[in-house]
Every structure is written in structure tokens, then in C-alpha cells.
C-alpha atoms as a PDB file:
ATOM      1  CA  MET A   1      43.592 214.934  58.431  1.00  0.00           C
ATOM      2  CA  ALA A   2      44.923 212.172  56.159  1.00  0.00           C
ATOM      3  CA  ARG A   3      48.497 213.180  56.988  1.00  0.00           C
ATOM      4  CA  MET A   4      47.822 212.883  60.719  1.00  0.00           C
ATOM      5  CA  PHE A   5      46.209 209.466  60.241  1.00  0.00           C
ATOM      6  CA  PHE A   6      49.193 208.251  58.217  1.00  0.00           C
ATOM      7  CA  SER A   7      51.606 209.561  60.867  1.00  0.00           C
ATOM      8  CA  LEU A   8      49.742 207.786  63.661  1.00  0.00           C
ATOM      9  CA  LEU A   9      49.560 204.600  61.613  1.00  0.00           C
ATOM     10  CA  THR A  10      53.314 204.727  60.950  1.00  0.00           C
ATOM     11  CA  ILE A  11      54.146 205.318  64.623  1.00  0.00           C
ATOM     12  CA  THR A  12      51.870 202.456  65.652  1.00  0.00           C
ATOM     13  CA  PHE A  13      53.485 200.171  63.072  1.00  0.00           C
ATOM     14  CA  ILE A  14      57.007 201.014  64.188  1.00  0.00           C
ATOM     15  CA  SER A  15      56.263 200.564  67.875  1.00  0.00           C
ATOM     16  CA  SER A  16      54.538 197.235  67.259  1.00  0.00           C
ATOM     17  CA  CYS A  17      57.657 195.905  65.515  1.00  0.00           C
ATOM     18  CA  SER A  18      59.568 195.597  68.745  1.00  0.00           C
ATOM     19  CA  SER A  19      60.077 191.864  68.464  1.00  0.00           C
ATOM     20  CA  TRP A  20      59.901 190.460  64.978  1.00  0.00           C
ATOM     21  CA  VAL A  21      62.117 187.504  65.786  1.00  0.00           C
ATOM     22  CA  GLN A  22      61.358 184.851  68.362  1.00  0.00           C
ATOM     23  CA  VAL A  23      64.014 182.466  69.652  1.00  0.00           C
ATOM     24  CA  THR A  24      63.064 178.865  68.908  1.00  0.00           C
ATOM     25  CA  SER A  25      63.198 176.209  71.605  1.00  0.00           C
ATOM     26  CA  GLU A  26      66.430 174.947  70.009  1.00  0.00           C
ATOM     27  CA  GLY A  27      67.811 178.499  69.846  1.00  0.00           C
ATOM     28  CA  GLN A  28      67.222 178.909  73.581  1.00  0.00           C
ATOM     29  CA  THR A  29      69.957 176.346  74.192  1.00  0.00           C
ATOM     30  CA  VAL A  30      72.524 178.531  72.382  1.00  0.00           C
ATOM     31  CA  ARG A  31      74.386 181.069  74.475  1.00  0.00           C
ATOM     32  CA  LEU A  32      75.830 184.358  73.274  1.00  0.00           C
ATOM     33  CA  VAL A  33      79.391 185.015  74.408  1.00  0.00           C
ATOM     34  CA  ALA A  34      80.078 188.709  74.039  1.00  0.00           C
ATOM     35  CA  ALA A  35      83.804 189.000  73.464  1.00  0.00           C
ATOM     36  CA  ASP A  36      86.353 186.211  73.535  1.00  0.00           C
ATOM     37  CA  VAL A  37      86.185 182.820  71.902  1.00  0.00           C
ATOM     38  CA  PRO A  38      85.582 180.308  74.666  1.00  0.00           C
ATOM     39  CA  THR A  39      88.390 177.866  75.462  1.00  0.00           C
ATOM     40  CA  ASN A  40      87.845 174.108  74.838  1.00  0.00           C
ATOM     41  CA  CYS A  41      85.263 174.908  72.157  1.00  0.00           C
ATOM     42  CA  ASP A  42      85.275 173.666  68.589  1.00  0.00           C
ATOM     43  CA  ARG A  43      84.373 176.107  65.844  1.00  0.00           C
ATOM     44  CA  ILE A  44      81.883 174.548  63.455  1.00  0.00           C
ATOM     45  CA  GLY A  45      81.180 177.515  61.208  1.00  0.00           C
ATOM     46  CA  ARG A  46      79.599 180.913  61.080  1.00  0.00           C
ATOM     47  CA  VAL A  47      76.232 182.489  60.450  1.00  0.00           C
ATOM     48  CA  GLN A  48      75.324 185.873  59.071  1.00  0.00           C
ATOM     49  CA  ALA A  49      72.232 187.290  60.696  1.00  0.00           C
ATOM     50  CA  GLN A  50      70.292 189.940  58.822  1.00  0.00           C
ATOM     51  CA  THR A  51      67.279 192.083  59.669  1.00  0.00           C
ATOM     52  CA  LEU A  52      65.863 195.473  58.762  1.00  0.00           C
ATOM     53  CA  GLY A  53      68.026 198.361  59.932  1.00  0.00           C
ATOM     54  CA  ARG A  54      65.329 200.847  58.951  1.00  0.00           C
ATOM     55  CA  VAL A  55      61.556 200.708  59.030  1.00  0.00           C
ATOM     56  CA  VAL A  56      59.611 203.171  56.889  1.00  0.00           C
ATOM     57  CA  GLY A  57      62.803 205.231  56.534  1.00  0.00           C
ATOM     58  CA  VAL A  58      63.357 205.439  60.300  1.00  0.00           C
ATOM     59  CA  GLU A  59      66.579 204.039  61.753  1.00  0.00           C
ATOM     60  CA  ARG A  60      65.877 201.305  64.315  1.00  0.00           C
ATOM     61  CA  GLY A  61      67.425 201.449  67.775  1.00  0.00           C
ATOM     62  CA  ALA A  62      70.888 199.885  68.096  1.00  0.00           C
ATOM     63  CA  GLU A  63      70.008 197.799  71.149  1.00  0.00           C
ATOM     64  CA  ARG A  64      66.849 196.410  69.566  1.00  0.00           C
ATOM     65  CA  LEU A  65      68.728 195.655  66.349  1.00  0.00           C
ATOM     66  CA  GLN A  66      71.535 193.880  68.264  1.00  0.00           C
ATOM     67  CA  ASP A  67      69.042 191.776  70.216  1.00  0.00           C
ATOM     68  CA  GLU A  68      67.215 190.753  67.062  1.00  0.00           C
ATOM     69  CA  LEU A  69      70.423 189.817  65.231  1.00  0.00           C
ATOM     70  CA  ALA A  70      71.554 187.717  68.206  1.00  0.00           C
ATOM     71  CA  GLN A  71      68.179 185.935  68.282  1.00  0.00           C
ATOM     72  CA  ILE A  72      68.432 185.122  64.576  1.00  0.00           C
ATOM     73  CA  ALA A  73      72.011 183.900  65.037  1.00  0.00           C
ATOM     74  CA  ARG A  74      71.015 181.713  68.005  1.00  0.00           C
ATOM     75  CA  ASN A  75      68.290 180.053  65.919  1.00  0.00           C
ATOM     76  CA  GLU A  76      70.641 179.465  62.974  1.00  0.00           C
ATOM     77  CA  ALA A  77      73.447 178.198  65.214  1.00  0.00           C
ATOM     78  CA  ALA A  78      71.090 175.668  66.791  1.00  0.00           C
ATOM     79  CA  ASP A  79      70.104 174.463  63.318  1.00  0.00           C
ATOM     80  CA  ALA A  80      73.822 174.032  62.537  1.00  0.00           C
ATOM     81  CA  GLY A  81      74.405 171.996  65.715  1.00  0.00           C
ATOM     82  CA  GLY A  82      76.167 174.680  67.757  1.00  0.00           C
ATOM     83  CA  ASN A  83      75.526 175.745  71.328  1.00  0.00           C
ATOM     84  CA  THR A  84      77.528 178.996  71.502  1.00  0.00           C
ATOM     85  CA  ILE A  85      77.820 182.073  69.274  1.00  0.00           C
ATOM     86  CA  VAL A  86      80.387 184.873  69.298  1.00  0.00           C
ATOM     87  CA  PRO A  87      79.970 188.132  67.339  1.00  0.00           C
ATOM     88  CA  GLU A  88      82.716 188.449  64.724  1.00  0.00           C
ATOM     89  CA  SER A  89      81.742 191.750  63.126  1.00  0.00           C
ATOM     90  CA  GLN A  90      80.058 195.020  63.865  1.00  0.00           C
ATOM     91  CA  ILE A  91      76.501 195.646  62.684  1.00  0.00           C
ATOM     92  CA  ALA A  92      76.484 197.066  59.162  1.00  0.00           C
ATOM     93  CA  ASP A  93      73.325 197.610  57.115  1.00  0.00           C
ATOM     94  CA  GLY A  94      71.315 195.392  59.449  1.00  0.00           C
ATOM     95  CA  ARG A  95      73.807 192.492  59.206  1.00  0.00           C
ATOM     96  CA  GLN A  96      76.237 190.864  61.606  1.00  0.00           C
ATOM     97  CA  THR A  97      78.429 187.774  61.426  1.00  0.00           C
ATOM     98  CA  PHE A  98      78.685 185.323  64.335  1.00  0.00           C
ATOM     99  CA  GLY A  99      81.052 182.396  64.872  1.00  0.00           C
ATOM    100  CA  VAL A 100      79.309 179.156  65.808  1.00  0.00           C
ATOM    101  CA  TYR A 101      80.906 176.818  68.355  1.00  0.00           C
ATOM    102  CA  ILE A 102      80.260 173.583  70.203  1.00  0.00           C
ATOM    103  CA  CYS A 103      81.330 173.986  73.806  1.00  0.00           C
ATOM    104  CA  PRO A 104      81.239 171.536  76.688  1.00  0.00           C
END
């Protein structure tokens, strides 16, 4: 009985963790450019977004993880004064690096 309760509690916890990160109002002004560095943009730095790749020993979904990392990067880029981010690395251990740009 206790095992079943723990299992249900764990499943509920994992499913409720769908959106840990919220994009700030400043972060909403930052756009994610998927592949190429935009022309006429000035690079102002980079940010490394990090989140949990596993929850209670269960690997999180790749799409959910990518979305969360992009949301974190958008928030950090806005704090740095940028308005565009470009992924510069693959996701590894719940981390990804993004270039931060100011574009017209």
C-alpha cells in the first residue's frame, strides 16, 4: 500500500513539474533564433542556462527540457541587455549555452 502511494505521489510530482520556469516580461522581448547568427546584430555575450535533466531519477523529456532552457536563457539575456539568443551548444547534463545579441 505504501509503495503504491509513493508511486502515485512521484507520478503526480513529475507531471506537475511541467513548467518550472516562467518567462519574465523582459524575457518576452527576447527572441530565440534557432540556427544562424542574425546579420546586423552585435554579440554582447553568452549565457549558460541550467535546469534539472532528471527528476526523482527519471529523465525529463527533451522538448520540455529545451523549452525550459530557452526560457531561462531569454530571461538572462534580457537582464544582460540583449534581445536575441542563439543556441551555441547541445544540451548536456541539463545545460546549454546561448549567444546573446542586440539586433535591430
